[in-house]
Amino acid sequence: MRKWIPGVIVMVVAALALPVAAAEKVQLRLNVKEGMRRGVRITADHTITQTVQQTHHVARQKVETDYTYEVVKVEANGNAMVRTTYKTVRFMQEGPMGKVEYDSSRHVGPVPLPARPLASLPGASFLMTMSPEGEVLGVEGVGALLKKMLDSLELPPGAQSDVVRRSIEEQFGDEAIKEMMGKTMFVYSREPVSVGDSWGQTSVIRRVMPMIVQNTLTLKGREKGVARLDVNGTIKPNPEGTGMVIAGMRVLYELRGAQAGTVEVEEATGWPVRSRVGQRVAGEMKIGGQPGAPVVNIPVVMEGVVALETIAPD
């Protein structure tokens, strides 16, 4: 009998630009300085509907994470090394298996099992190197994050524990973190632009929930040192995606849809001030077990919003 399997939300966040004056063409790029510190809150709130044997199963998942970013080094070519520190994590999941809530800033007592990996993150940090074009070139220290997450689960030795470890590593390993963080710093123009100009950007996600996101960005206005962008994008499956392992089964998503929203950017640095992007995708979740076993296709619809806002860095 097919069982409902909780979806894993991948945040697909559009971000940034760097204009100067309303009538001038401006090259949009990241332009941070050593010692700069910023606080950011990213909230992903999604509803997932899966159809199993003609029955709809609806779940909601909301993850709110507060980060502090500190620029520790800027190379002559503009590449910036940024220390990313997790400050606070809030988690809510509600579905056929019940409701789980967790807030690291308030929680007292045992942590609910579904929240334990995220609950282990506040206070932890890693380094990422970003280019002036917003590409995440590399990360350091992710292994320590993984260890904290795995230790929080207190897994006993055995094959089942190995499956859980593999799943966590696929979702939060070096390459997955690069893709995740790159979505907040990857929407720059290759050529100078003016208010009213549009340009395209493509994001390719290979892990967890593989997809190709093709965005059109339009510089809509500028006021008091902040640039405002409109974002409109299409989402399609990535045939080269690896997916992930859940409960020992390989899970691949084939989803199509669209996203739209707005992004506001600090002109002097290219750093995001706030954004709000709505998304809707639909398709299938393909679940396979052992090699040669039949693949189970489960129709799925995901709708939600990913938002970014500025907060105090401490």
Protein backbone atom coordinates (compact mmCIF):
# COMPACT_ATOMS: atom_id res chain seq x y z
CA MET A 1 0.00 0.00 0.00
CA ARG A 2 1.37 3.41 -0.92
CA LYS A 3 2.14 5.66 2.00
CA TRP A 4 2.12 9.44 2.18
CA ILE A 5 5.68 10.76 2.34
CA PRO A 6 6.36 14.30 3.61
CA GLY A 7 7.69 16.57 0.90
CA VAL A 8 10.95 18.41 1.35
CA ILE A 9 10.72 22.07 0.59
CA VAL A 10 13.49 23.60 -1.28
CA MET A 11 13.60 27.14 -1.11
CA VAL A 12 13.79 28.68 -4.65
CA VAL A 13 14.60 32.33 -3.81
CA ALA A 14 15.32 35.09 -6.42
CA ALA A 15 17.43 38.08 -5.22
CA LEU A 16 19.63 41.07 -5.98
CA ALA A 17 20.65 44.06 -8.05
CA LEU A 18 22.74 47.22 -7.71
CA PRO A 19 21.53 50.38 -9.51
CA VAL A 20 22.70 53.97 -8.94
CA ALA A 21 20.52 56.67 -10.50
CA ALA A 22 17.15 56.42 -12.18
CA ALA A 23 18.22 57.78 -15.61
CA GLU A 24 21.64 56.07 -15.75
CA LYS A 25 22.64 52.60 -16.87
CA VAL A 26 24.21 50.69 -14.01
CA GLN A 27 26.13 47.44 -13.77
CA LEU A 28 24.44 45.23 -11.17
CA ARG A 29 26.88 43.28 -9.03
CA LEU A 30 27.87 42.39 -5.48
CA ASN A 31 30.13 45.05 -3.97
CA VAL A 32 30.73 44.28 -0.30
CA LYS A 33 33.58 45.40 1.98
CA GLU A 34 35.54 43.55 4.63
CA GLY A 35 33.90 43.85 8.04
CA MET A 36 30.36 44.39 6.70
CA ARG A 37 27.72 42.58 8.77
CA ARG A 38 24.07 42.00 7.92
CA GLY A 39 21.20 40.13 9.54
CA VAL A 40 18.75 38.29 7.32
CA ARG A 41 15.57 36.30 7.98
CA ILE A 42 14.44 33.83 5.31
CA THR A 43 10.97 32.31 5.58
CA ALA A 44 9.70 29.48 3.38
CA ASP A 45 6.01 28.70 3.84
CA HIS A 46 4.56 26.00 1.57
CA THR A 47 1.50 23.80 1.28
CA ILE A 48 2.00 20.38 -0.33
CA THR A 49 -0.82 18.26 -1.72
CA GLN A 50 -0.10 14.65 -2.64
CA THR A 51 -2.66 12.35 -4.29
CA VAL A 52 -2.38 8.71 -3.26
CA GLN A 53 -4.99 6.25 -4.54
CA GLN A 54 -7.32 9.13 -5.44
CA THR A 55 -7.08 10.57 -1.92
CA HIS A 56 -5.63 14.04 -1.37
CA HIS A 57 -3.16 14.42 1.50
CA VAL A 58 -2.41 18.04 2.41
CA ALA A 59 0.52 19.20 4.51
CA ARG A 60 1.96 22.57 5.39
CA GLN A 61 5.60 23.28 6.22
CA LYS A 62 7.03 26.59 7.40
CA VAL A 63 10.73 27.14 8.12
CA GLU A 64 12.00 30.52 9.31
CA THR A 65 15.76 30.95 9.71
CA ASP A 66 17.68 33.98 11.00
CA TYR A 67 21.26 34.39 9.79
CA THR A 68 24.15 36.77 10.41
CA TYR A 69 26.44 37.37 7.44
CA GLU A 70 29.92 38.82 8.01
CA VAL A 71 32.34 39.64 5.20
CA VAL A 72 35.74 38.41 6.41
CA LYS A 73 37.79 38.89 3.25
CA VAL A 74 37.52 40.47 -0.21
CA GLU A 75 39.99 39.50 -2.94
CA ALA A 76 41.35 41.90 -5.55
CA ASN A 77 39.02 40.34 -8.14
CA GLY A 78 36.00 41.13 -5.95
CA ASN A 79 35.38 37.59 -4.67
CA ALA A 80 34.13 37.82 -1.09
CA MET A 81 34.47 35.30 1.74
CA VAL A 82 31.41 35.53 3.98
CA ARG A 83 30.88 33.83 7.33
CA THR A 84 27.27 32.65 7.61
CA THR A 85 26.02 32.02 11.16
CA TYR A 86 22.67 30.51 12.09
CA LYS A 87 20.99 32.59 14.81
CA THR A 88 17.47 31.23 15.24
CA VAL A 89 15.37 28.49 13.63
CA ARG A 90 11.59 28.21 13.73
CA PHE A 91 9.89 25.14 12.30
CA MET A 92 6.27 24.13 11.80
CA GLN A 93 4.98 21.04 10.03
CA GLU A 94 1.34 20.02 9.93
CA GLY A 95 -0.15 17.12 8.00
CA PRO A 96 -1.63 13.62 8.17
CA MET A 97 0.89 12.64 10.86
CA GLY A 98 -0.07 15.56 13.13
CA LYS A 99 1.51 18.93 13.93
CA VAL A 100 5.05 19.71 15.08
CA GLU A 101 6.27 23.18 16.13
CA TYR A 102 9.68 24.36 17.30
CA ASP A 103 11.26 27.76 18.02
CA SER A 104 14.91 27.73 19.09
CA SER A 105 14.54 31.13 20.79
CA ARG A 106 11.78 29.93 23.15
CA HIS A 107 11.77 26.14 23.33
CA VAL A 108 12.29 24.41 26.67
CA GLY A 109 12.52 20.64 27.07
CA PRO A 110 13.02 17.81 24.57
CA VAL A 111 13.11 18.81 20.92
CA PRO A 112 10.55 17.05 18.65
CA LEU A 113 12.31 14.51 16.45
CA PRO A 114 11.39 16.10 13.07
CA ALA A 115 12.89 19.41 14.25
CA ARG A 116 16.12 18.07 15.74
CA PRO A 117 18.43 18.53 12.72
CA LEU A 118 17.41 22.18 12.31
CA ALA A 119 17.37 22.75 16.07
CA SER A 120 21.07 21.87 16.19
CA LEU A 121 22.07 24.76 13.88
CA PRO A 122 21.77 27.99 15.96
CA GLY A 123 25.28 29.18 16.79
CA ALA A 124 26.89 27.12 14.03
CA SER A 125 28.54 28.77 11.04
CA PHE A 126 30.29 28.10 7.74
CA LEU A 127 32.22 30.13 5.17
CA MET A 128 31.14 30.73 1.60
CA THR A 129 32.97 32.51 -1.20
CA MET A 130 30.86 34.57 -3.61
CA SER A 131 31.82 36.24 -6.89
CA PRO A 132 30.76 39.80 -7.81
CA GLU A 133 28.17 38.13 -10.07
CA GLY A 134 26.61 36.49 -7.01
CA GLU A 135 27.75 32.93 -7.72
CA VAL A 136 28.64 30.83 -4.68
CA LEU A 137 32.07 29.52 -5.65
CA GLY A 138 32.72 27.35 -2.63
CA VAL A 139 31.89 26.60 1.01
CA GLU A 140 33.97 25.58 4.03
CA GLY A 141 32.92 24.13 7.36
CA VAL A 142 29.76 22.40 6.19
CA GLY A 143 31.06 19.08 7.52
CA ALA A 144 30.82 20.43 11.08
CA LEU A 145 27.19 21.41 10.45
CA LEU A 146 26.40 17.93 9.22
CA LYS A 147 27.98 16.40 12.31
CA LYS A 148 25.85 18.58 14.61
CA MET A 149 22.71 17.61 12.73
CA LEU A 150 23.51 13.90 12.79
CA ASP A 151 24.56 13.94 16.45
CA SER A 152 21.22 15.56 17.34
CA LEU A 153 19.37 12.49 16.06
CA GLU A 154 21.27 10.12 18.39
CA LEU A 155 21.16 7.39 15.76
CA PRO A 156 22.06 3.85 16.84
CA PRO A 157 24.45 1.82 14.67
CA GLY A 158 22.81 -0.03 11.81
CA ALA A 159 21.66 0.06 8.23
CA GLN A 160 18.63 2.27 8.92
CA SER A 161 20.82 4.88 10.59
CA ASP A 162 23.11 4.83 7.57
CA VAL A 163 20.11 5.64 5.36
CA VAL A 164 19.20 8.64 7.53
CA ARG A 165 22.80 9.88 7.48
CA ARG A 166 22.90 9.65 3.72
CA SER A 167 19.65 11.59 3.43
CA ILE A 168 20.92 14.41 5.68
CA GLU A 169 24.21 14.57 3.79
CA GLU A 170 22.43 14.84 0.44
CA GLN A 171 20.19 17.66 1.67
CA PHE A 172 22.84 19.65 3.59
CA GLY A 173 26.21 18.71 2.06
CA ASP A 174 28.61 21.12 0.35
CA GLU A 175 26.92 21.13 -3.05
CA ALA A 176 23.41 21.35 -1.60
CA ILE A 177 24.41 24.33 0.58
CA LYS A 178 26.00 26.04 -2.44
CA GLU A 179 22.76 25.68 -4.39
CA MET A 180 20.63 26.79 -1.45
CA MET A 181 22.65 29.91 -0.62
CA GLY A 182 23.17 30.79 -4.28
CA LYS A 183 19.45 31.39 -4.71
CA THR A 184 19.64 34.50 -2.53
CA MET A 185 22.61 36.03 -4.37
CA PHE A 186 22.24 35.08 -8.03
CA VAL A 187 20.12 37.62 -9.89
CA TYR A 188 22.55 40.13 -11.40
CA SER A 189 22.62 41.65 -14.87
CA ARG A 190 25.54 40.97 -17.20
CA GLU A 191 25.21 44.38 -18.82
CA PRO A 192 24.45 47.85 -17.41
CA VAL A 193 20.69 48.46 -17.04
CA SER A 194 18.31 51.38 -16.50
CA VAL A 195 14.89 51.56 -14.87
CA GLY A 196 12.51 49.68 -17.16
CA ASP A 197 15.17 47.31 -18.51
CA SER A 198 14.72 43.53 -18.23
CA TRP A 199 17.19 40.65 -18.33
CA GLY A 200 17.17 36.91 -17.88
CA GLN A 201 18.79 34.58 -15.35
CA THR A 202 18.73 30.81 -15.14
CA SER A 203 19.22 28.80 -11.94
CA VAL A 204 19.94 25.08 -12.18
CA ILE A 205 19.17 22.94 -9.12
CA ARG A 206 20.43 19.36 -9.23
CA ARG A 207 19.94 18.10 -5.69
CA VAL A 208 17.00 17.42 -3.35
CA MET A 209 14.29 18.84 -5.65
CA PRO A 210 15.88 19.18 -9.11
CA MET A 211 14.56 21.96 -11.33
CA ILE A 212 15.56 24.64 -13.80
CA VAL A 213 14.29 28.13 -13.00
CA GLN A 214 14.31 30.68 -15.82
CA ASN A 215 13.68 34.17 -14.45
CA THR A 216 13.00 37.50 -16.13
CA LEU A 217 13.94 40.45 -13.93
CA THR A 218 12.88 44.04 -14.49
CA LEU A 219 14.34 47.06 -12.73
CA LYS A 220 11.12 48.86 -11.72
CA GLY A 221 12.39 51.73 -9.61
CA ARG A 222 14.93 53.19 -7.20
CA GLU A 223 14.42 55.24 -4.08
CA LYS A 224 16.64 56.28 -1.15
CA GLY A 225 19.47 53.99 -2.17
CA VAL A 226 17.28 50.92 -2.71
CA ALA A 227 16.55 49.26 -6.05
CA ARG A 228 13.28 47.42 -6.67
CA LEU A 229 13.02 44.49 -9.07
CA ASP A 230 10.06 42.53 -10.39
CA VAL A 231 10.70 38.80 -10.81
CA ASN A 232 8.78 36.47 -13.11
CA GLY A 233 9.97 32.96 -13.76
CA THR A 234 9.12 29.55 -15.16
CA ILE A 235 10.06 26.29 -13.46
CA LYS A 236 10.66 22.99 -15.23
CA PRO A 237 12.21 19.61 -14.31
CA ASN A 238 15.97 19.11 -14.43
CA PRO A 239 16.54 15.77 -16.20
CA GLU A 240 20.07 15.59 -14.76
CA GLY A 241 18.94 15.96 -11.16
CA THR A 242 19.94 13.43 -8.50
CA GLY A 243 17.01 13.91 -6.12
CA MET A 244 17.42 12.52 -2.61
CA VAL A 245 16.91 9.48 -0.43
CA ILE A 246 13.97 9.35 2.02
CA ALA A 247 13.39 6.28 4.20
CA GLY A 248 15.78 4.27 2.01
CA MET A 249 14.00 5.15 -1.23
CA ARG A 250 15.31 7.33 -4.04
CA VAL A 251 12.92 10.25 -4.59
CA LEU A 252 12.90 12.38 -7.72
CA TYR A 253 10.60 15.31 -8.44
CA GLU A 254 9.41 16.30 -11.89
CA LEU A 255 7.68 19.64 -11.37
CA ARG A 256 6.56 22.48 -13.61
CA GLY A 257 5.17 25.86 -12.69
CA ALA A 258 5.90 29.53 -12.19
CA GLN A 259 7.01 32.09 -9.67
CA ALA A 260 6.57 35.85 -9.35
CA GLY A 261 7.41 38.52 -6.85
CA THR A 262 9.54 41.52 -5.95
CA VAL A 263 13.07 42.04 -4.64
CA GLU A 264 14.59 45.12 -3.03
CA VAL A 265 18.35 45.61 -2.97
CA GLU A 266 20.76 47.95 -1.22
CA GLU A 267 22.35 49.88 -4.09
CA ALA A 268 25.75 50.52 -2.52
CA THR A 269 26.54 46.87 -1.75
CA GLY A 270 24.17 44.75 -3.84
CA TRP A 271 22.93 43.17 -0.59
CA PRO A 272 19.24 42.13 -0.38
CA VAL A 273 16.98 44.27 1.80
CA ARG A 274 13.76 42.31 1.35
CA SER A 275 12.03 40.04 -1.14
CA ARG A 276 8.81 38.10 -1.51
CA VAL A 277 8.37 35.49 -4.24
CA GLY A 278 5.28 33.31 -4.66
CA GLN A 279 5.61 29.89 -6.30
CA ARG A 280 3.32 27.18 -7.63
CA VAL A 281 4.53 23.93 -9.14
CA ALA A 282 2.79 20.68 -10.00
CA GLY A 283 3.92 17.32 -11.30
CA GLU A 284 5.00 13.97 -9.92
CA MET A 285 7.12 12.60 -7.12
CA LYS A 286 8.81 9.43 -8.37
CA ILE A 287 9.72 6.94 -5.67
CA GLY A 288 12.00 3.98 -6.33
CA GLY A 289 13.30 1.32 -3.97
CA GLN A 290 15.89 -1.30 -4.81
CA PRO A 291 17.40 -1.44 -8.33
CA GLY A 292 14.93 -3.03 -10.73
CA ALA A 293 11.93 -2.35 -8.49
CA PRO A 294 8.95 -0.52 -10.02
CA VAL A 295 8.79 3.26 -9.64
CA VAL A 296 5.78 4.71 -7.85
CA ASN A 297 4.49 8.01 -9.27
CA ILE A 298 2.60 10.28 -6.87
CA PRO A 299 0.94 13.46 -8.19
CA VAL A 300 1.99 16.49 -6.15
CA VAL A 301 1.17 20.21 -6.04
CA MET A 302 3.23 22.72 -4.06
CA GLU A 303 2.22 26.33 -3.43
CA GLY A 304 3.85 28.89 -1.22
CA VAL A 305 5.96 31.97 -0.62
CA VAL A 306 9.63 32.49 0.09
CA ALA A 307 10.40 35.83 1.78
CA LEU A 308 13.57 37.60 2.88
CA GLU A 309 13.80 40.53 5.28
CA THR A 310 16.56 42.48 7.01
CA ILE A 311 16.98 42.06 10.77
CA ALA A 312 19.58 43.14 13.33
CA PRO A 313 22.84 41.19 12.85
CA ASP A 314 23.17 40.44 16.60
